[in-house]
């Protein structure tokens, strides 16, 4: 019975989260639907007194979607099966802040990219390097090889962590 109540509460709160996002960020529910942002991809409300990762992304341009992905598995960094959480918000000019609640403190890494055409895919070159603006926690230097978890990893305390990611333009081919 408790599981049924929990499921009901979750199902009832998702629309409220979407509605809250619309008030926090002047975006209509129609825009969220047009950009194909699913209820489970809506960010959590930011709270410096909660266990969460608070990500500030610099150098954004309006249009499309900002994707923020949280990883905790070094062996599957940047792969879907290693992703702990994915958040998508409409992209706006300048700086954007996204928060994700944590189940427990630990070692994490964050990857962000600007999905310019909102097709839910990071466009990549033949060598798998991104063609769309991207960034990683700790802002490691761009390389011509696959990024390592250890270069982007950070450890959270019981109140989470605040990180800043400077979105980078993809390197010229």
N, C-alpha and C. Protein backbone atom coordinates (compact mmCIF):
# COMPACT_ATOMS: atom_id res chain seq x y z
N UNK A 1 0.82 -1.19 0.00
CA UNK A 1 0.00 0.00 0.00
C UNK A 1 0.86 1.26 0.00
N UNK A 2 1.95 1.26 0.80
CA UNK A 2 2.83 2.42 0.83
C UNK A 2 3.46 2.68 -0.53
N UNK A 3 3.81 1.62 -1.27
CA UNK A 3 4.37 1.79 -2.60
C UNK A 3 3.36 2.45 -3.53
N UNK A 4 2.07 2.10 -3.40
CA UNK A 4 1.03 2.71 -4.22
C UNK A 4 0.92 4.20 -3.90
N UNK A 5 0.98 4.54 -2.61
CA UNK A 5 0.91 5.94 -2.21
C UNK A 5 2.11 6.71 -2.76
N UNK A 6 3.29 6.13 -2.67
CA UNK A 6 4.50 6.78 -3.18
C UNK A 6 4.41 7.01 -4.68
N UNK A 7 3.92 6.01 -5.39
CA UNK A 7 3.78 6.12 -6.84
C UNK A 7 2.78 7.21 -7.18
N UNK A 8 1.68 7.27 -6.44
CA UNK A 8 0.67 8.29 -6.67
C UNK A 8 1.24 9.68 -6.41
N UNK A 9 2.00 9.84 -5.35
CA UNK A 9 2.61 11.12 -5.03
C UNK A 9 3.58 11.54 -6.15
N UNK A 10 4.39 10.60 -6.63
CA UNK A 10 5.34 10.90 -7.72
C UNK A 10 4.58 11.32 -8.96
N UNK A 11 3.54 10.57 -9.33
CA UNK A 11 2.78 10.90 -10.54
C UNK A 11 2.09 12.24 -10.40
N UNK A 12 1.64 12.58 -9.21
CA UNK A 12 0.96 13.85 -9.01
C UNK A 12 1.94 15.01 -8.96
N UNK A 13 3.18 14.78 -8.50
CA UNK A 13 4.12 15.89 -8.37
C UNK A 13 4.82 16.24 -9.67
N UNK A 14 4.93 15.32 -10.61
CA UNK A 14 5.59 15.63 -11.88
C UNK A 14 4.95 16.82 -12.60
N UNK A 15 3.62 16.84 -12.78
CA UNK A 15 3.04 18.02 -13.41
C UNK A 15 3.30 19.29 -12.61
N UNK A 16 3.34 19.18 -11.28
CA UNK A 16 3.63 20.35 -10.46
C UNK A 16 5.06 20.83 -10.67
N UNK A 17 6.00 19.89 -10.85
CA UNK A 17 7.39 20.27 -11.12
C UNK A 17 7.49 21.01 -12.45
N UNK A 18 6.80 20.52 -13.45
CA UNK A 18 6.82 21.18 -14.76
C UNK A 18 6.22 22.58 -14.64
N UNK A 19 5.12 22.69 -13.92
CA UNK A 19 4.50 23.98 -13.70
C UNK A 19 5.45 24.91 -12.96
N UNK A 20 6.13 24.41 -11.92
CA UNK A 20 7.09 25.22 -11.17
C UNK A 20 8.22 25.68 -12.06
N UNK A 21 8.71 24.81 -12.94
CA UNK A 21 9.78 25.18 -13.86
C UNK A 21 9.33 26.34 -14.74
N UNK A 22 8.08 26.31 -15.16
CA UNK A 22 7.56 27.39 -16.01
C UNK A 22 7.56 28.72 -15.27
N UNK A 23 7.31 28.70 -13.94
CA UNK A 23 7.34 29.94 -13.17
C UNK A 23 8.77 30.41 -12.93
N UNK A 24 9.69 29.47 -12.68
CA UNK A 24 11.07 29.82 -12.42
C UNK A 24 11.77 30.28 -13.69
N UNK A 25 11.44 29.69 -14.79
CA UNK A 25 12.03 29.98 -16.08
C UNK A 25 10.87 30.29 -17.00
N UNK A 26 10.78 31.50 -17.54
CA UNK A 26 9.59 31.88 -18.29
C UNK A 26 9.43 31.07 -19.58
N UNK A 27 9.04 29.82 -19.44
CA UNK A 27 8.87 28.92 -20.55
C UNK A 27 7.52 28.25 -20.37
N UNK A 28 6.76 28.17 -21.43
CA UNK A 28 5.44 27.55 -21.33
C UNK A 28 5.54 26.04 -21.38
N UNK A 29 4.49 25.38 -20.92
CA UNK A 29 4.42 23.92 -20.99
C UNK A 29 4.47 23.48 -22.45
N UNK A 30 3.91 24.29 -23.36
CA UNK A 30 3.97 23.97 -24.80
C UNK A 30 5.41 23.95 -25.30
N UNK A 31 6.23 24.88 -24.78
CA UNK A 31 7.64 24.91 -25.17
C UNK A 31 8.34 23.66 -24.70
N UNK A 32 8.07 23.23 -23.46
CA UNK A 32 8.68 22.01 -22.94
C UNK A 32 8.31 20.82 -23.81
N UNK A 33 7.05 20.78 -24.23
CA UNK A 33 6.60 19.68 -25.08
C UNK A 33 7.26 19.77 -26.46
N UNK A 34 7.33 20.96 -27.03
CA UNK A 34 7.95 21.16 -28.35
C UNK A 34 9.41 20.74 -28.31
N UNK A 35 10.10 21.05 -27.22
CA UNK A 35 11.52 20.71 -27.09
C UNK A 35 11.71 19.27 -26.61
N UNK A 36 10.62 18.55 -26.42
CA UNK A 36 10.66 17.14 -26.02
C UNK A 36 11.39 16.95 -24.69
N UNK A 37 11.05 17.81 -23.73
CA UNK A 37 11.59 17.67 -22.38
C UNK A 37 10.60 16.86 -21.57
N UNK A 38 11.04 15.70 -21.13
CA UNK A 38 10.17 14.76 -20.42
C UNK A 38 10.11 15.10 -18.93
N UNK A 39 9.04 14.72 -18.25
CA UNK A 39 8.89 15.07 -16.83
C UNK A 39 10.08 14.66 -15.96
N UNK A 40 10.67 13.49 -16.20
CA UNK A 40 11.79 13.04 -15.39
C UNK A 40 13.08 13.82 -15.68
N UNK A 41 13.07 14.65 -16.73
CA UNK A 41 14.25 15.43 -17.10
C UNK A 41 14.22 16.85 -16.56
N UNK A 42 13.16 17.22 -15.85
CA UNK A 42 13.03 18.55 -15.28
C UNK A 42 13.98 18.65 -14.09
N UNK A 43 14.72 19.76 -13.97
CA UNK A 43 15.66 19.88 -12.84
C UNK A 43 14.93 20.03 -11.51
N UNK A 44 15.67 19.75 -10.44
CA UNK A 44 15.14 19.95 -9.10
C UNK A 44 15.30 21.43 -8.72
N UNK A 45 14.47 21.89 -7.80
CA UNK A 45 14.60 23.26 -7.30
C UNK A 45 15.94 23.38 -6.58
N UNK A 46 16.66 24.45 -6.85
CA UNK A 46 17.98 24.66 -6.22
C UNK A 46 17.82 25.02 -4.75
N UNK A 47 18.66 24.38 -3.92
CA UNK A 47 18.62 24.62 -2.49
C UNK A 47 20.01 24.33 -1.93
N UNK A 48 20.70 25.37 -1.51
CA UNK A 48 22.07 25.23 -1.01
C UNK A 48 22.14 24.38 0.26
N UNK A 49 21.00 24.14 0.92
CA UNK A 49 20.98 23.33 2.14
C UNK A 49 20.55 21.90 1.88
N UNK A 50 20.51 21.51 0.60
CA UNK A 50 20.13 20.13 0.23
C UNK A 50 21.32 19.41 -0.37
N UNK A 51 21.26 18.09 -0.32
CA UNK A 51 22.28 17.27 -0.97
C UNK A 51 21.97 17.26 -2.47
N UNK A 52 22.65 18.12 -3.18
CA UNK A 52 22.44 18.19 -4.62
C UNK A 52 23.68 18.74 -5.31
N UNK A 53 23.75 18.47 -6.61
CA UNK A 53 24.78 19.09 -7.43
C UNK A 53 24.13 20.30 -8.09
N UNK A 54 24.73 21.46 -7.85
CA UNK A 54 24.25 22.72 -8.40
C UNK A 54 25.24 23.14 -9.48
N UNK A 55 24.79 23.08 -10.73
CA UNK A 55 25.66 23.30 -11.88
C UNK A 55 25.34 24.65 -12.50
N UNK A 56 26.36 25.50 -12.62
CA UNK A 56 26.23 26.76 -13.34
C UNK A 56 26.96 26.59 -14.66
N UNK A 57 26.24 26.85 -15.76
CA UNK A 57 26.81 26.70 -17.10
C UNK A 57 26.97 28.09 -17.71
N UNK A 58 28.20 28.43 -18.09
CA UNK A 58 28.50 29.72 -18.71
C UNK A 58 28.59 29.57 -20.23
N UNK A 59 28.47 30.69 -20.92
CA UNK A 59 28.67 30.80 -22.37
C UNK A 59 27.54 30.17 -23.19
N UNK A 60 26.32 30.20 -22.67
CA UNK A 60 25.18 29.64 -23.39
C UNK A 60 24.66 30.62 -24.44
N UNK A 61 24.03 30.06 -25.45
CA UNK A 61 23.32 30.83 -26.47
C UNK A 61 21.88 30.33 -26.48
N UNK A 62 20.95 31.22 -26.78
CA UNK A 62 19.53 30.87 -26.80
C UNK A 62 19.22 29.94 -27.96
N UNK A 63 18.20 29.13 -27.76
CA UNK A 63 17.72 28.22 -28.79
C UNK A 63 18.14 26.79 -28.50
N UNK A 64 17.22 25.87 -28.72
CA UNK A 64 17.52 24.47 -28.47
C UNK A 64 17.43 24.14 -26.99
N UNK A 65 18.21 23.15 -26.57
CA UNK A 65 18.12 22.61 -25.22
C UNK A 65 19.51 22.46 -24.61
N UNK A 66 19.61 22.81 -23.32
CA UNK A 66 20.82 22.53 -22.55
C UNK A 66 20.63 21.18 -21.87
N UNK A 67 21.54 20.25 -22.11
CA UNK A 67 21.52 18.93 -21.48
C UNK A 67 22.60 18.90 -20.41
N UNK A 68 22.22 18.43 -19.23
CA UNK A 68 23.15 18.29 -18.11
C UNK A 68 23.04 16.84 -17.64
N UNK A 69 24.16 16.13 -17.64
CA UNK A 69 24.16 14.71 -17.29
C UNK A 69 25.11 14.44 -16.14
N UNK A 70 24.64 13.66 -15.17
CA UNK A 70 25.40 13.32 -13.97
C UNK A 70 25.85 11.87 -14.05
N UNK A 71 27.14 11.63 -13.81
CA UNK A 71 27.72 10.29 -13.88
C UNK A 71 28.40 9.96 -12.56
N UNK A 72 28.37 8.65 -12.20
CA UNK A 72 29.10 8.20 -11.01
C UNK A 72 29.86 6.91 -11.28
N UNK A 73 29.90 6.47 -12.53
CA UNK A 73 30.54 5.21 -12.90
C UNK A 73 31.74 5.50 -13.81
N UNK A 74 32.96 5.43 -13.29
CA UNK A 74 34.15 5.74 -14.09
C UNK A 74 34.28 4.87 -15.34
N UNK A 75 33.83 3.62 -15.27
CA UNK A 75 33.97 2.71 -16.41
C UNK A 75 32.98 3.00 -17.53
N UNK A 76 31.92 3.75 -17.23
CA UNK A 76 30.90 4.05 -18.24
C UNK A 76 30.64 5.54 -18.35
N UNK A 77 31.68 6.34 -18.13
CA UNK A 77 31.57 7.79 -18.23
C UNK A 77 31.21 8.18 -19.65
N UNK A 78 30.18 9.00 -19.78
CA UNK A 78 29.65 9.51 -21.04
C UNK A 78 28.86 8.48 -21.85
N UNK A 79 28.56 7.34 -21.22
CA UNK A 79 27.69 6.35 -21.85
C UNK A 79 26.38 6.29 -21.07
N UNK A 80 25.30 6.01 -21.77
CA UNK A 80 23.97 6.00 -21.17
C UNK A 80 23.91 5.12 -19.93
N UNK A 81 24.52 3.92 -19.98
CA UNK A 81 24.41 3.02 -18.82
C UNK A 81 25.18 3.52 -17.60
N UNK A 82 26.07 4.49 -17.78
CA UNK A 82 26.80 5.06 -16.65
C UNK A 82 26.17 6.34 -16.11
N UNK A 83 25.13 6.80 -16.79
CA UNK A 83 24.49 8.06 -16.41
C UNK A 83 23.55 7.86 -15.23
N UNK A 84 23.71 8.68 -14.21
CA UNK A 84 22.87 8.64 -13.01
C UNK A 84 21.59 9.46 -13.22
N UNK A 85 21.72 10.59 -13.91
CA UNK A 85 20.58 11.50 -14.11
C UNK A 85 20.85 12.36 -15.33
N UNK A 86 19.77 12.71 -16.03
CA UNK A 86 19.84 13.61 -17.17
C UNK A 86 18.78 14.68 -16.98
N UNK A 87 19.19 15.95 -17.13
CA UNK A 87 18.28 17.09 -17.02
C UNK A 87 18.36 17.86 -18.32
N UNK A 88 17.20 18.31 -18.79
CA UNK A 88 17.13 19.12 -20.02
C UNK A 88 16.31 20.37 -19.72
N UNK A 89 16.84 21.52 -20.15
CA UNK A 89 16.09 22.77 -20.00
C UNK A 89 16.23 23.58 -21.29
N UNK A 90 15.27 24.44 -21.58
CA UNK A 90 15.41 25.31 -22.75
C UNK A 90 16.65 26.18 -22.62
N UNK A 91 17.43 26.26 -23.68
CA UNK A 91 18.67 27.04 -23.67
C UNK A 91 18.37 28.53 -23.77
N UNK A 92 19.05 29.33 -22.95
CA UNK A 92 18.91 30.78 -22.95
C UNK A 92 20.30 31.41 -23.02
N UNK A 93 20.35 32.67 -23.40
CA UNK A 93 21.63 33.38 -23.50
C UNK A 93 22.28 33.53 -22.13
N UNK A 94 23.61 33.47 -22.11
CA UNK A 94 24.38 33.76 -20.91
C UNK A 94 24.61 32.58 -20.01
N UNK A 95 24.26 32.76 -18.74
CA UNK A 95 24.53 31.76 -17.70
C UNK A 95 23.22 31.06 -17.31
N UNK A 96 23.29 29.73 -17.10
CA UNK A 96 22.13 28.98 -16.65
C UNK A 96 22.53 28.10 -15.48
N UNK A 97 21.58 27.92 -14.56
CA UNK A 97 21.85 27.09 -13.38
C UNK A 97 20.87 25.92 -13.36
N UNK A 98 21.41 24.73 -13.10
CA UNK A 98 20.62 23.50 -13.06
C UNK A 98 21.00 22.76 -11.77
N UNK A 99 19.99 22.25 -11.07
CA UNK A 99 20.25 21.52 -9.83
C UNK A 99 19.65 20.12 -9.90
N UNK A 100 20.40 19.16 -9.33
CA UNK A 100 19.97 17.76 -9.30
C UNK A 100 20.18 17.23 -7.90
N UNK A 101 19.12 16.70 -7.30
CA UNK A 101 19.22 16.11 -5.97
C UNK A 101 20.06 14.84 -6.03
N UNK A 102 20.78 14.58 -4.94
CA UNK A 102 21.61 13.38 -4.83
C UNK A 102 21.00 12.42 -3.81
N UNK A 103 21.12 11.13 -4.10
CA UNK A 103 20.68 10.12 -3.14
C UNK A 103 21.67 10.01 -1.99
N UNK A 104 22.97 10.21 -2.31
CA UNK A 104 24.02 10.10 -1.30
C UNK A 104 25.26 10.84 -1.76
N UNK A 105 26.10 11.27 -0.82
CA UNK A 105 27.37 11.88 -1.21
C UNK A 105 28.23 10.86 -1.96
N UNK A 106 29.13 11.35 -2.79
CA UNK A 106 30.00 10.44 -3.52
C UNK A 106 30.86 11.20 -4.51
N UNK A 107 31.44 10.46 -5.43
CA UNK A 107 32.27 11.03 -6.48
C UNK A 107 31.48 11.00 -7.77
N UNK A 108 31.37 12.16 -8.40
CA UNK A 108 30.56 12.32 -9.59
C UNK A 108 31.33 13.12 -10.65
N UNK A 109 30.79 13.12 -11.86
CA UNK A 109 31.26 13.98 -12.94
C UNK A 109 30.03 14.45 -13.70
N UNK A 110 30.11 15.64 -14.26
CA UNK A 110 28.99 16.21 -15.01
C UNK A 110 29.45 16.52 -16.43
N UNK A 111 28.59 16.20 -17.38
CA UNK A 111 28.80 16.57 -18.78
C UNK A 111 27.61 17.40 -19.22
N UNK A 112 27.88 18.46 -19.97
CA UNK A 112 26.80 19.30 -20.51
C UNK A 112 27.03 19.47 -22.01
N UNK A 113 25.94 19.63 -22.72
CA UNK A 113 26.06 20.03 -24.13
C UNK A 113 24.83 20.81 -24.55
N UNK A 114 25.03 21.66 -25.53
CA UNK A 114 23.95 22.48 -26.08
C UNK A 114 23.42 21.78 -27.31
N UNK A 115 22.25 21.17 -27.17
CA UNK A 115 21.58 20.49 -28.27
C UNK A 115 20.88 21.56 -29.09
N UNK A 116 21.59 22.13 -30.02
CA UNK A 116 21.13 23.31 -30.75
C UNK A 116 19.81 23.07 -31.46
N UNK A 117 19.64 21.92 -32.09
CA UNK A 117 18.40 21.64 -32.82
C UNK A 117 17.39 20.84 -32.00
N UNK A 118 17.69 20.59 -30.73
CA UNK A 118 16.78 19.90 -29.79
C UNK A 118 16.35 18.52 -30.30
N UNK A 119 17.25 17.82 -30.98
CA UNK A 119 16.90 16.49 -31.49
C UNK A 119 17.25 15.36 -30.52
N UNK A 120 17.66 15.73 -29.29
CA UNK A 120 17.99 14.79 -28.21
C UNK A 120 19.28 14.02 -28.47
N UNK A 121 20.11 14.49 -29.40
CA UNK A 121 21.36 13.79 -29.72
C UNK A 121 22.50 14.79 -29.80
N UNK A 122 23.64 14.40 -29.23
CA UNK A 122 24.86 15.18 -29.39
C UNK A 122 25.46 14.81 -30.73
N UNK A 123 25.57 15.79 -31.59
CA UNK A 123 26.18 15.52 -32.90
C UNK A 123 27.68 15.32 -32.71
N UNK A 124 28.21 14.30 -33.39
CA UNK A 124 29.62 13.96 -33.24
C UNK A 124 30.28 13.85 -34.60
N UNK A 125 31.58 14.08 -34.58
CA UNK A 125 32.40 13.91 -35.79
C UNK A 125 32.77 12.43 -35.94
N UNK A 126 33.47 12.14 -36.99
CA UNK A 126 33.91 10.77 -37.27
C UNK A 126 34.75 10.20 -36.13
N UNK A 127 35.49 11.08 -35.41
CA UNK A 127 36.35 10.62 -34.31
C UNK A 127 35.65 10.68 -32.95
N UNK A 128 34.33 10.83 -32.98
CA UNK A 128 33.45 10.86 -31.81
C UNK A 128 33.55 12.12 -30.96
N UNK A 129 34.33 13.10 -31.40
CA UNK A 129 34.37 14.38 -30.69
C UNK A 129 33.12 15.18 -31.03
N UNK A 130 32.62 15.98 -30.09
CA UNK A 130 31.36 16.70 -30.32
C UNK A 130 31.44 17.76 -31.41
N UNK A 131 30.31 17.95 -32.08
CA UNK A 131 30.16 19.04 -33.05
C UNK A 131 29.31 20.17 -32.49
N UNK A 132 28.74 19.96 -31.29
CA UNK A 132 27.93 20.98 -30.65
C UNK A 132 28.67 21.45 -29.40
N UNK A 133 28.38 22.67 -28.93
CA UNK A 133 29.05 23.18 -27.72
C UNK A 133 28.88 22.20 -26.55
N UNK A 134 29.95 22.03 -25.75
CA UNK A 134 29.95 21.04 -24.67
C UNK A 134 30.85 21.50 -23.54
N UNK A 135 30.77 20.80 -22.44
CA UNK A 135 31.66 21.08 -21.32
C UNK A 135 31.60 19.95 -20.30
N UNK A 136 32.61 19.88 -19.46
CA UNK A 136 32.70 18.86 -18.42
C UNK A 136 33.04 19.53 -17.09
N UNK A 137 32.64 18.89 -16.00
CA UNK A 137 33.01 19.41 -14.69
C UNK A 137 34.53 19.47 -14.58
N UNK A 138 35.03 20.42 -13.83
CA UNK A 138 36.46 20.75 -13.68
C UNK A 138 37.04 21.42 -14.91
N UNK A 139 36.25 21.59 -15.97
CA UNK A 139 36.67 22.28 -17.19
C UNK A 139 38.03 21.81 -17.70
N UNK A 140 38.20 20.49 -17.93
CA UNK A 140 39.48 20.01 -18.45
C UNK A 140 39.73 20.58 -19.86
N UNK A 141 41.00 20.70 -20.21
CA UNK A 141 41.35 21.20 -21.54
C UNK A 141 40.84 20.24 -22.61
N UNK A 142 40.46 20.82 -23.75
CA UNK A 142 40.01 19.99 -24.87
C UNK A 142 41.16 19.13 -25.35
N UNK A 143 40.83 17.89 -25.65
CA UNK A 143 41.82 16.95 -26.19
C UNK A 143 41.23 16.30 -27.42
N UNK A 144 42.07 15.65 -28.17
CA UNK A 144 41.60 14.91 -29.33
C UNK A 144 41.42 13.44 -28.98
N UNK A 145 41.05 13.18 -27.73
CA UNK A 145 40.79 11.82 -27.29
C UNK A 145 39.55 11.83 -26.39
N UNK A 146 39.04 10.66 -26.09
CA UNK A 146 37.84 10.54 -25.27
C UNK A 146 38.15 11.01 -23.85
N UNK A 147 37.30 11.87 -23.27
CA UNK A 147 37.55 12.38 -21.91
C UNK A 147 37.54 11.26 -20.87
N UNK A 148 38.30 11.48 -19.79
CA UNK A 148 38.37 10.51 -18.69
C UNK A 148 37.55 11.02 -17.50
N UNK A 149 36.92 10.08 -16.82
CA UNK A 149 36.14 10.39 -15.63
C UNK A 149 37.02 11.11 -14.60
N UNK A 150 38.24 10.64 -14.42
CA UNK A 150 39.12 11.20 -13.40
C UNK A 150 39.43 12.68 -13.64
N UNK A 151 39.41 13.13 -14.89
CA UNK A 151 39.67 14.54 -15.19
C UNK A 151 38.49 15.44 -14.82
N UNK A 152 37.30 14.86 -14.73
CA UNK A 152 36.09 15.63 -14.46
C UNK A 152 35.46 15.33 -13.11
N UNK A 153 36.02 14.37 -12.37
CA UNK A 153 35.41 13.92 -11.12
C UNK A 153 35.55 14.95 -10.00
N UNK A 154 34.54 15.00 -9.15
CA UNK A 154 34.54 15.82 -7.94
C UNK A 154 33.80 15.04 -6.86
N UNK A 155 34.09 15.35 -5.61
CA UNK A 155 33.46 14.65 -4.49
C UNK A 155 32.50 15.60 -3.79
N UNK A 156 31.33 15.07 -3.47
CA UNK A 156 30.33 15.89 -2.79
C UNK A 156 30.35 15.60 -1.30
N UNK A 157 29.93 16.58 -0.54
CA UNK A 157 29.72 16.40 0.89
C UNK A 157 28.24 16.15 1.12
N UNK A 158 27.80 16.26 2.38
CA UNK A 158 26.40 15.99 2.65
C UNK A 158 25.49 17.09 2.11
N UNK A 159 26.05 18.25 1.77
CA UNK A 159 25.27 19.31 1.14
C UNK A 159 25.55 19.41 -0.36
N UNK A 160 26.11 18.37 -0.93
CA UNK A 160 26.34 18.34 -2.37
C UNK A 160 27.54 19.16 -2.77
N UNK A 161 27.43 19.77 -3.95
CA UNK A 161 28.55 20.56 -4.49
C UNK A 161 28.02 21.60 -5.47
N UNK A 162 28.74 22.71 -5.54
CA UNK A 162 28.47 23.75 -6.53
C UNK A 162 29.61 23.69 -7.54
N UNK A 163 29.25 23.53 -8.81
CA UNK A 163 30.29 23.48 -9.85
C UNK A 163 29.94 24.46 -10.96
N UNK A 164 30.97 24.91 -11.66
CA UNK A 164 30.82 25.82 -12.79
C UNK A 164 31.43 25.14 -14.00
N UNK A 165 30.68 25.13 -15.09
CA UNK A 165 31.17 24.56 -16.35
C UNK A 165 31.13 25.64 -17.41
N UNK A 166 32.26 25.86 -18.06
CA UNK A 166 32.35 26.82 -19.15
C UNK A 166 32.14 26.06 -20.45
N UNK A 167 30.98 26.30 -21.07
CA UNK A 167 30.67 25.63 -22.33
C UNK A 167 31.71 26.02 -23.37
N UNK A 168 32.21 25.03 -24.07
CA UNK A 168 33.24 25.25 -25.09
C UNK A 168 32.68 24.97 -26.48
N UNK A 169 33.15 25.73 -27.43
CA UNK A 169 32.81 25.44 -28.82
C UNK A 169 33.61 24.24 -29.25
N UNK A 170 33.07 23.41 -30.12
CA UNK A 170 33.83 22.24 -30.56
C UNK A 170 35.11 22.69 -31.30
N UNK A 171 36.17 21.91 -31.19
CA UNK A 171 37.41 22.28 -31.89
C UNK A 171 37.20 22.22 -33.39
N UNK A 172 37.91 23.05 -34.08
CA UNK A 172 37.83 23.08 -35.54
C UNK A 172 38.40 21.76 -36.10
N UNK A 173 37.76 21.23 -37.13
CA UNK A 173 38.27 19.96 -37.70
C UNK A 173 39.62 20.12 -38.36
